[in-house]
N, C-alpha and C. Protein backbone atom coordinates (compact mmCIF):
# COMPACT_ATOMS: atom_id res chain seq x y z
N UNK A 1 0.82 -1.19 0.00
CA UNK A 1 0.00 0.00 0.00
C UNK A 1 0.87 1.26 0.00
N UNK A 2 1.95 1.25 0.80
CA UNK A 2 2.85 2.40 0.83
C UNK A 2 3.49 2.62 -0.53
N UNK A 3 3.80 1.52 -1.20
CA UNK A 3 4.41 1.61 -2.53
C UNK A 3 3.47 2.31 -3.50
N UNK A 4 2.18 1.95 -3.49
CA UNK A 4 1.17 2.56 -4.36
C UNK A 4 1.03 4.05 -4.04
N UNK A 5 1.00 4.39 -2.77
CA UNK A 5 0.89 5.78 -2.36
C UNK A 5 2.11 6.58 -2.85
N UNK A 6 3.30 6.01 -2.72
CA UNK A 6 4.52 6.67 -3.18
C UNK A 6 4.49 6.88 -4.69
N UNK A 7 4.01 5.89 -5.42
CA UNK A 7 3.91 6.02 -6.88
C UNK A 7 2.93 7.12 -7.28
N UNK A 8 1.80 7.20 -6.57
CA UNK A 8 0.82 8.25 -6.85
C UNK A 8 1.39 9.63 -6.56
N UNK A 9 2.15 9.77 -5.50
CA UNK A 9 2.79 11.05 -5.20
C UNK A 9 3.77 11.44 -6.29
N UNK A 10 4.56 10.49 -6.76
CA UNK A 10 5.52 10.76 -7.84
C UNK A 10 4.80 11.16 -9.12
N UNK A 11 3.75 10.45 -9.45
CA UNK A 11 2.98 10.75 -10.65
C UNK A 11 2.38 12.14 -10.56
N UNK A 12 1.86 12.50 -9.41
CA UNK A 12 1.30 13.82 -9.20
C UNK A 12 2.37 14.90 -9.37
N UNK A 13 3.55 14.67 -8.85
CA UNK A 13 4.65 15.63 -8.97
C UNK A 13 5.06 15.80 -10.43
N UNK A 14 5.11 14.70 -11.16
CA UNK A 14 5.47 14.77 -12.58
C UNK A 14 4.43 15.55 -13.36
N UNK A 15 3.16 15.26 -13.12
CA UNK A 15 2.09 15.96 -13.83
C UNK A 15 2.08 17.45 -13.50
N UNK A 16 2.33 17.78 -12.25
CA UNK A 16 2.36 19.19 -11.84
C UNK A 16 3.52 19.91 -12.49
N UNK A 17 4.65 19.25 -12.61
CA UNK A 17 5.83 19.87 -13.22
C UNK A 17 5.65 20.07 -14.72
N UNK A 18 4.84 19.23 -15.35
CA UNK A 18 4.64 19.30 -16.79
C UNK A 18 3.87 20.56 -17.19
N UNK A 19 3.01 21.04 -16.34
CA UNK A 19 2.22 22.21 -16.66
C UNK A 19 2.93 23.46 -16.13
N UNK A 20 3.05 24.44 -16.98
CA UNK A 20 3.68 25.69 -16.59
C UNK A 20 2.63 26.59 -15.94
N UNK A 21 3.09 27.44 -15.07
CA UNK A 21 2.22 28.42 -14.46
C UNK A 21 2.01 29.57 -15.44
N UNK A 22 0.79 30.07 -15.52
CA UNK A 22 0.51 31.24 -16.34
C UNK A 22 0.90 32.47 -15.53
N UNK A 23 1.82 33.25 -16.08
CA UNK A 23 2.36 34.40 -15.36
C UNK A 23 1.55 35.66 -15.66
N UNK A 24 1.51 36.61 -14.75
CA UNK A 24 0.78 37.86 -15.00
C UNK A 24 1.58 38.79 -15.92
N UNK A 25 0.92 39.25 -16.97
CA UNK A 25 1.54 40.22 -17.89
C UNK A 25 1.22 41.62 -17.38
N UNK A 26 2.26 42.30 -16.93
CA UNK A 26 2.14 43.66 -16.40
C UNK A 26 3.01 44.59 -17.26
N UNK A 27 3.03 45.86 -16.92
CA UNK A 27 3.91 46.79 -17.62
C UNK A 27 5.34 46.29 -17.53
N UNK A 28 6.03 46.24 -18.67
CA UNK A 28 7.41 45.79 -18.72
C UNK A 28 7.57 44.31 -18.99
N UNK A 29 6.52 43.53 -18.79
CA UNK A 29 6.62 42.08 -19.00
C UNK A 29 6.91 41.72 -20.45
N UNK A 30 6.28 42.43 -21.37
CA UNK A 30 6.45 42.10 -22.79
C UNK A 30 7.91 42.26 -23.20
N UNK A 31 8.54 43.33 -22.77
CA UNK A 31 9.96 43.53 -23.09
C UNK A 31 10.82 42.46 -22.44
N UNK A 32 10.44 42.01 -21.26
CA UNK A 32 11.16 40.92 -20.61
C UNK A 32 11.05 39.63 -21.41
N UNK A 33 9.89 39.38 -22.00
CA UNK A 33 9.70 38.20 -22.85
C UNK A 33 10.64 38.28 -24.05
N UNK A 34 10.65 39.43 -24.70
CA UNK A 34 11.51 39.62 -25.88
C UNK A 34 12.98 39.40 -25.50
N UNK A 35 13.40 39.99 -24.40
CA UNK A 35 14.79 39.85 -23.95
C UNK A 35 15.15 38.41 -23.60
N UNK A 36 14.22 37.71 -22.97
CA UNK A 36 14.49 36.33 -22.55
C UNK A 36 14.67 35.38 -23.74
N UNK A 37 14.12 35.75 -24.88
CA UNK A 37 14.21 34.88 -26.07
C UNK A 37 15.19 35.42 -27.11
N UNK A 38 15.96 36.41 -26.73
CA UNK A 38 16.91 37.01 -27.67
C UNK A 38 17.90 35.96 -28.19
N UNK A 39 18.19 36.06 -29.47
CA UNK A 39 19.20 35.17 -30.06
C UNK A 39 18.64 33.93 -30.72
N UNK A 40 17.33 33.71 -30.62
CA UNK A 40 16.75 32.58 -31.33
C UNK A 40 15.32 32.92 -31.76
N UNK A 41 14.86 32.26 -32.83
CA UNK A 41 13.50 32.55 -33.31
C UNK A 41 12.45 32.07 -32.32
N UNK A 42 11.35 32.81 -32.25
CA UNK A 42 10.24 32.43 -31.39
C UNK A 42 8.95 33.08 -31.86
N UNK A 43 7.86 32.58 -31.34
CA UNK A 43 6.52 33.07 -31.69
C UNK A 43 5.83 33.54 -30.43
N UNK A 44 5.15 34.69 -30.53
CA UNK A 44 4.26 35.14 -29.46
C UNK A 44 2.86 35.14 -30.05
N UNK A 45 1.96 34.40 -29.42
CA UNK A 45 0.57 34.32 -29.88
C UNK A 45 -0.35 34.92 -28.83
N UNK A 46 -1.08 35.94 -29.22
CA UNK A 46 -2.07 36.57 -28.36
C UNK A 46 -3.43 35.95 -28.66
N UNK A 47 -4.14 35.57 -27.61
CA UNK A 47 -5.39 34.86 -27.78
C UNK A 47 -6.32 35.15 -26.62
N UNK A 48 -7.55 34.65 -26.72
CA UNK A 48 -8.53 34.81 -25.65
C UNK A 48 -9.44 33.59 -25.59
N UNK A 49 -9.97 33.33 -24.43
CA UNK A 49 -10.91 32.24 -24.25
C UNK A 49 -12.17 32.41 -25.10
N UNK A 50 -12.55 33.65 -25.37
CA UNK A 50 -13.78 33.94 -26.11
C UNK A 50 -13.59 34.00 -27.63
N UNK A 51 -12.39 33.78 -28.11
CA UNK A 51 -12.07 33.95 -29.52
C UNK A 51 -12.07 32.59 -30.24
N UNK A 52 -13.00 32.40 -31.16
CA UNK A 52 -13.13 31.13 -31.89
C UNK A 52 -11.91 30.85 -32.74
N UNK A 53 -11.46 31.83 -33.50
CA UNK A 53 -10.29 31.63 -34.36
C UNK A 53 -9.01 31.40 -33.56
N UNK A 54 -8.98 31.92 -32.35
CA UNK A 54 -7.83 31.68 -31.47
C UNK A 54 -7.69 30.19 -31.17
N UNK A 55 -8.80 29.52 -30.99
CA UNK A 55 -8.77 28.07 -30.72
C UNK A 55 -8.17 27.33 -31.91
N UNK A 56 -8.51 27.75 -33.12
CA UNK A 56 -7.93 27.13 -34.33
C UNK A 56 -6.42 27.34 -34.34
N UNK A 57 -5.99 28.55 -34.00
CA UNK A 57 -4.55 28.84 -33.96
C UNK A 57 -3.85 28.03 -32.87
N UNK A 58 -4.48 27.89 -31.71
CA UNK A 58 -3.88 27.10 -30.64
C UNK A 58 -3.72 25.64 -31.06
N UNK A 59 -4.72 25.12 -31.76
CA UNK A 59 -4.62 23.74 -32.25
C UNK A 59 -3.44 23.60 -33.21
N UNK A 60 -3.30 24.56 -34.11
CA UNK A 60 -2.19 24.55 -35.07
C UNK A 60 -0.85 24.70 -34.36
N UNK A 61 -0.76 25.62 -33.42
CA UNK A 61 0.49 25.82 -32.69
C UNK A 61 0.85 24.59 -31.86
N UNK A 62 -0.14 23.92 -31.31
CA UNK A 62 0.12 22.69 -30.56
C UNK A 62 0.73 21.62 -31.45
N UNK A 63 0.19 21.47 -32.66
CA UNK A 63 0.73 20.49 -33.62
C UNK A 63 2.14 20.87 -34.07
N UNK A 64 2.35 22.14 -34.34
CA UNK A 64 3.68 22.59 -34.77
C UNK A 64 4.70 22.45 -33.65
N UNK A 65 4.27 22.74 -32.43
CA UNK A 65 5.17 22.62 -31.28
C UNK A 65 5.58 21.15 -31.07
N UNK A 66 4.66 20.24 -31.34
CA UNK A 66 4.98 18.80 -31.22
C UNK A 66 5.97 18.39 -32.31
N UNK A 67 5.83 18.96 -33.51
CA UNK A 67 6.71 18.61 -34.63
C UNK A 67 8.08 19.27 -34.50
N UNK A 68 8.10 20.54 -34.09
CA UNK A 68 9.34 21.31 -33.96
C UNK A 68 9.57 21.56 -32.47
N UNK A 69 10.11 20.59 -31.79
CA UNK A 69 10.25 20.61 -30.32
C UNK A 69 11.07 21.79 -29.80
N UNK A 70 12.00 22.29 -30.59
CA UNK A 70 12.85 23.38 -30.10
C UNK A 70 12.24 24.76 -30.36
N UNK A 71 11.11 24.80 -31.03
CA UNK A 71 10.44 26.07 -31.31
C UNK A 71 9.85 26.65 -30.03
N UNK A 72 10.24 27.87 -29.71
CA UNK A 72 9.67 28.55 -28.54
C UNK A 72 8.37 29.23 -28.94
N UNK A 73 7.31 28.88 -28.24
CA UNK A 73 6.00 29.49 -28.43
C UNK A 73 5.59 30.12 -27.11
N UNK A 74 5.36 31.41 -27.14
CA UNK A 74 4.93 32.15 -25.95
C UNK A 74 3.47 32.53 -26.17
N UNK A 75 2.63 32.13 -25.24
CA UNK A 75 1.19 32.38 -25.35
C UNK A 75 0.78 33.46 -24.37
N UNK A 76 0.03 34.45 -24.87
CA UNK A 76 -0.44 35.55 -24.03
C UNK A 76 -1.96 35.61 -24.15
N UNK A 77 -2.64 35.25 -23.07
CA UNK A 77 -4.10 35.34 -23.03
C UNK A 77 -4.49 36.77 -22.65
N UNK A 78 -5.42 37.33 -23.40
CA UNK A 78 -5.86 38.70 -23.11
C UNK A 78 -7.04 38.69 -22.14
N UNK A 79 -7.19 37.58 -21.43
CA UNK A 79 -8.26 37.44 -20.45
C UNK A 79 -7.78 38.02 -19.11
N UNK A 80 -8.26 37.50 -18.01
CA UNK A 80 -7.86 38.02 -16.70
C UNK A 80 -7.26 36.90 -15.85
N UNK A 81 -6.46 37.25 -14.86
CA UNK A 81 -5.88 36.23 -13.99
C UNK A 81 -6.93 35.35 -13.29
N UNK A 82 -8.13 35.87 -13.08
CA UNK A 82 -9.17 35.06 -12.44
C UNK A 82 -9.62 33.90 -13.31
N UNK A 83 -9.26 33.93 -14.59
CA UNK A 83 -9.62 32.86 -15.53
C UNK A 83 -8.47 31.88 -15.75
N UNK A 84 -7.50 31.91 -14.88
CA UNK A 84 -6.29 31.11 -15.04
C UNK A 84 -6.58 29.61 -15.17
N UNK A 85 -7.51 29.08 -14.40
CA UNK A 85 -7.78 27.63 -14.50
C UNK A 85 -8.40 27.29 -15.85
N UNK A 86 -9.27 28.16 -16.38
CA UNK A 86 -9.84 27.94 -17.71
C UNK A 86 -8.75 28.02 -18.78
N UNK A 87 -7.85 28.97 -18.63
CA UNK A 87 -6.74 29.13 -19.58
C UNK A 87 -5.89 27.87 -19.59
N UNK A 88 -5.56 27.37 -18.41
CA UNK A 88 -4.73 26.17 -18.30
C UNK A 88 -5.43 24.97 -18.92
N UNK A 89 -6.73 24.85 -18.73
CA UNK A 89 -7.49 23.75 -19.32
C UNK A 89 -7.43 23.79 -20.84
N UNK A 90 -7.57 24.98 -21.41
CA UNK A 90 -7.49 25.13 -22.87
C UNK A 90 -6.09 24.78 -23.36
N UNK A 91 -5.06 25.25 -22.68
CA UNK A 91 -3.69 24.95 -23.09
C UNK A 91 -3.42 23.45 -23.03
N UNK A 92 -3.92 22.79 -22.01
CA UNK A 92 -3.76 21.34 -21.91
C UNK A 92 -4.48 20.63 -23.06
N UNK A 93 -5.66 21.12 -23.41
CA UNK A 93 -6.44 20.52 -24.50
C UNK A 93 -5.66 20.55 -25.82
N UNK A 94 -4.91 21.62 -26.05
CA UNK A 94 -4.15 21.77 -27.30
C UNK A 94 -2.68 21.38 -27.14
N UNK A 95 -2.35 20.66 -26.08
CA UNK A 95 -0.99 20.18 -25.82
C UNK A 95 0.02 21.32 -25.77
N UNK A 96 -0.39 22.44 -25.18
CA UNK A 96 0.48 23.61 -25.06
C UNK A 96 0.77 23.95 -23.60
N UNK A 97 0.49 23.03 -22.69
CA UNK A 97 0.67 23.32 -21.27
C UNK A 97 2.13 23.54 -20.89
N UNK A 98 3.07 23.10 -21.72
CA UNK A 98 4.49 23.32 -21.42
C UNK A 98 5.02 24.61 -22.05
N UNK A 99 4.21 25.24 -22.86
CA UNK A 99 4.63 26.51 -23.46
C UNK A 99 4.60 27.62 -22.41
N UNK A 100 5.45 28.59 -22.61
CA UNK A 100 5.44 29.76 -21.73
C UNK A 100 4.10 30.46 -21.89
N UNK A 101 3.45 30.76 -20.78
CA UNK A 101 2.10 31.31 -20.81
C UNK A 101 1.97 32.52 -19.91
N UNK A 102 1.28 33.53 -20.43
CA UNK A 102 1.05 34.78 -19.70
C UNK A 102 -0.42 35.15 -19.82
N UNK A 103 -0.89 35.99 -18.92
CA UNK A 103 -2.26 36.50 -18.97
C UNK A 103 -2.23 37.99 -18.61
N UNK A 104 -3.02 38.78 -19.33
CA UNK A 104 -3.11 40.20 -19.03
C UNK A 104 -3.48 40.38 -17.56
N UNK A 105 -2.71 41.17 -16.83
CA UNK A 105 -2.96 41.34 -15.40
C UNK A 105 -2.99 42.80 -15.00
N UNK A 106 -3.12 43.68 -15.95
CA UNK A 106 -3.23 45.11 -15.68
C UNK A 106 -4.65 45.52 -16.06
N UNK A 107 -5.35 46.19 -15.17
CA UNK A 107 -6.73 46.58 -15.46
C UNK A 107 -6.81 47.59 -16.61
N UNK A 108 -5.71 48.23 -16.93
CA UNK A 108 -5.65 49.19 -18.02
C UNK A 108 -5.10 48.46 -19.26
N UNK A 109 -5.97 47.65 -19.88
CA UNK A 109 -5.51 46.78 -20.98
C UNK A 109 -5.00 47.56 -22.18
N UNK A 110 -5.51 48.75 -22.38
CA UNK A 110 -5.04 49.56 -23.51
C UNK A 110 -3.55 49.85 -23.38
N UNK A 111 -3.07 50.06 -22.17
CA UNK A 111 -1.66 50.32 -21.93
C UNK A 111 -0.83 49.08 -22.31
N UNK A 112 -1.31 47.89 -21.94
CA UNK A 112 -0.61 46.66 -22.31
C UNK A 112 -0.59 46.47 -23.83
N UNK A 113 -1.73 46.71 -24.46
CA UNK A 113 -1.78 46.57 -25.93
C UNK A 113 -0.80 47.54 -26.59
N UNK A 114 -0.76 48.77 -26.12
CA UNK A 114 0.13 49.78 -26.68
C UNK A 114 1.59 49.39 -26.47
N UNK A 115 1.90 48.83 -25.30
CA UNK A 115 3.27 48.41 -25.01
C UNK A 115 3.69 47.26 -25.93
N UNK A 116 2.77 46.37 -26.23
CA UNK A 116 3.06 45.25 -27.12
C UNK A 116 3.26 45.75 -28.54
N UNK A 117 2.35 46.59 -29.01
CA UNK A 117 2.43 47.07 -30.39
C UNK A 117 1.53 48.29 -30.54
N UNK A 118 2.12 49.41 -30.89
CA UNK A 118 1.34 50.65 -31.04
C UNK A 118 0.34 50.55 -32.19
N UNK A 119 0.53 49.59 -33.09
CA UNK A 119 -0.36 49.42 -34.23
C UNK A 119 -1.43 48.34 -33.98
N UNK A 120 -1.46 47.78 -32.78
CA UNK A 120 -2.42 46.74 -32.46
C UNK A 120 -3.57 47.33 -31.66
N UNK A 121 -4.79 47.09 -32.11
CA UNK A 121 -5.96 47.67 -31.46
C UNK A 121 -6.83 46.64 -30.76
N UNK A 122 -6.27 45.44 -30.53
CA UNK A 122 -6.98 44.44 -29.75
C UNK A 122 -7.58 43.31 -30.54
N UNK A 123 -7.48 43.35 -31.88
CA UNK A 123 -8.05 42.26 -32.68
C UNK A 123 -7.30 40.96 -32.40
N UNK A 124 -8.05 39.87 -32.40
CA UNK A 124 -7.49 38.55 -32.10
C UNK A 124 -7.95 37.55 -33.16
N UNK A 125 -7.16 36.54 -33.37
CA UNK A 125 -5.83 36.30 -32.83
C UNK A 125 -4.81 37.25 -33.45
N UNK A 126 -3.74 37.46 -32.72
CA UNK A 126 -2.62 38.31 -33.16
C UNK A 126 -1.35 37.55 -32.84
N UNK A 127 -0.50 37.36 -33.84
CA UNK A 127 0.70 36.56 -33.68
C UNK A 127 1.92 37.32 -34.16
N UNK A 128 3.00 37.20 -33.40
CA UNK A 128 4.27 37.85 -33.74
C UNK A 128 5.33 36.78 -33.97
N UNK A 129 6.04 36.92 -35.07
CA UNK A 129 7.12 36.00 -35.42
C UNK A 129 8.44 36.76 -35.31
N UNK A 130 9.29 36.31 -34.40
CA UNK A 130 10.58 36.96 -34.18
C UNK A 130 11.69 36.06 -34.69
N UNK A 131 12.64 36.67 -35.44
CA UNK A 131 13.80 35.90 -35.88
C UNK A 131 14.89 35.99 -34.83
N UNK A 132 15.99 35.32 -35.07
CA UNK A 132 17.08 35.26 -34.08
C UNK A 132 17.71 36.64 -33.83
N UNK A 133 17.55 37.56 -34.78
CA UNK A 133 18.10 38.89 -34.61
C UNK A 133 17.14 39.83 -33.88
N UNK A 134 15.97 39.32 -33.52
CA UNK A 134 15.01 40.12 -32.77
C UNK A 134 14.04 40.91 -33.62
N UNK A 135 14.07 40.73 -34.93
CA UNK A 135 13.12 41.42 -35.80
C UNK A 135 11.80 40.67 -35.80
N UNK A 136 10.73 41.38 -35.59
CA UNK A 136 9.43 40.75 -35.52
C UNK A 136 8.49 41.20 -36.61
N UNK A 137 7.58 40.33 -36.96
CA UNK A 137 6.51 40.68 -37.89
C UNK A 137 5.19 40.19 -37.28
N UNK A 138 4.13 40.96 -37.51
CA UNK A 138 2.84 40.68 -36.89
C UNK A 138 1.84 40.17 -37.92
N UNK A 139 0.98 39.27 -37.47
CA UNK A 139 -0.11 38.76 -38.29
C UNK A 139 -1.38 38.82 -37.45
N UNK A 140 -2.39 39.49 -37.98
CA UNK A 140 -3.70 39.49 -37.34
C UNK A 140 -4.58 38.50 -38.09
N UNK A 141 -5.36 37.74 -37.36
CA UNK A 141 -6.26 36.77 -37.98
C UNK A 141 -5.69 35.36 -37.91
N UNK A 142 -6.44 34.48 -38.49
CA UNK A 142 -6.14 33.05 -38.45
C UNK A 142 -4.83 32.74 -39.16
N UNK A 143 -4.04 31.85 -38.56
CA UNK A 143 -2.72 31.48 -39.11
C UNK A 143 -2.84 30.44 -40.21
N UNK A 144 -1.84 30.42 -41.08
CA UNK A 144 -1.74 29.46 -42.17
C UNK A 144 -0.56 28.54 -41.89
N UNK A 145 -0.81 27.23 -41.81
CA UNK A 145 0.23 26.27 -41.45
C UNK A 145 1.43 26.33 -42.40
N UNK A 146 1.18 26.39 -43.69
CA UNK A 146 2.26 26.43 -44.67
C UNK A 146 3.17 27.62 -44.48
N UNK A 147 2.58 28.80 -44.24
CA UNK A 147 3.38 30.00 -44.02
C UNK A 147 4.24 29.87 -42.76
N UNK A 148 3.67 29.31 -41.70
CA UNK A 148 4.42 29.17 -40.46
C UNK A 148 5.58 28.18 -40.65
N UNK A 149 5.32 27.08 -41.33
CA UNK A 149 6.39 26.10 -41.54
C UNK A 149 7.50 26.68 -42.40
N UNK A 150 7.16 27.48 -43.41
CA UNK A 150 8.20 28.15 -44.21
C UNK A 150 9.00 29.10 -43.34
N UNK A 151 8.31 29.84 -42.45
CA UNK A 151 9.01 30.76 -41.54
C UNK A 151 9.95 29.97 -40.62
N UNK A 152 9.48 28.86 -40.09
CA UNK A 152 10.31 28.03 -39.20
C UNK A 152 11.56 27.57 -39.94
N UNK A 153 11.39 27.04 -41.15
CA UNK A 153 12.53 26.55 -41.92
C UNK A 153 13.51 27.68 -42.26
N UNK A 154 12.99 28.82 -42.67
CA UNK A 154 13.88 29.93 -43.05
C UNK A 154 14.57 30.53 -41.82
N UNK A 155 13.88 30.57 -40.68
CA UNK A 155 14.50 31.13 -39.48
C UNK A 155 15.58 30.21 -38.93
N UNK A 156 15.43 28.92 -39.15
CA UNK A 156 16.47 27.97 -38.73
C UNK A 156 17.72 28.11 -39.58
N UNK A 157 17.55 28.41 -40.85
CA UNK A 157 18.70 28.58 -41.74
C UNK A 157 19.48 29.84 -41.37
N UNK A 158 18.74 30.91 -41.03
CA UNK A 158 19.39 32.18 -40.70
C UNK A 158 19.93 32.20 -39.28
N UNK A 159 19.27 31.44 -38.37
CA UNK A 159 19.63 31.47 -36.95
C UNK A 159 20.86 30.71 -36.71
């Protein structure tokens, strides 16, 4: 019986470690994300629980993340910290629970949007593709798998 209990504790610890905590996105956090990923290509995907097309993008990103294991995908939910358990459930559903995850945590969301991109007015999904040199390009709307795979291949050649 003790052996079974010990195994269950280990399994619980492994499962807990597999899921990343969703961090609060506050003023300055976005620049910290960019700095933390400097020197290699990565994707930042902005999404929301209420966005239908965001779910399609999360499904695609989950599949791409499984195929390209070294690809860094940073997910930013534009929801609230009080929705963290729902956010985590969605990320687990799309096999993205190990991806770096953030949630808007400033009540002045316009300030966060402006800090992320002065040309972004809140439309979702919104995705940023950064190359190893830190140059980013933005895409609003649903993602195209072929375009992302071409970007991944070309960024690996340049990186």
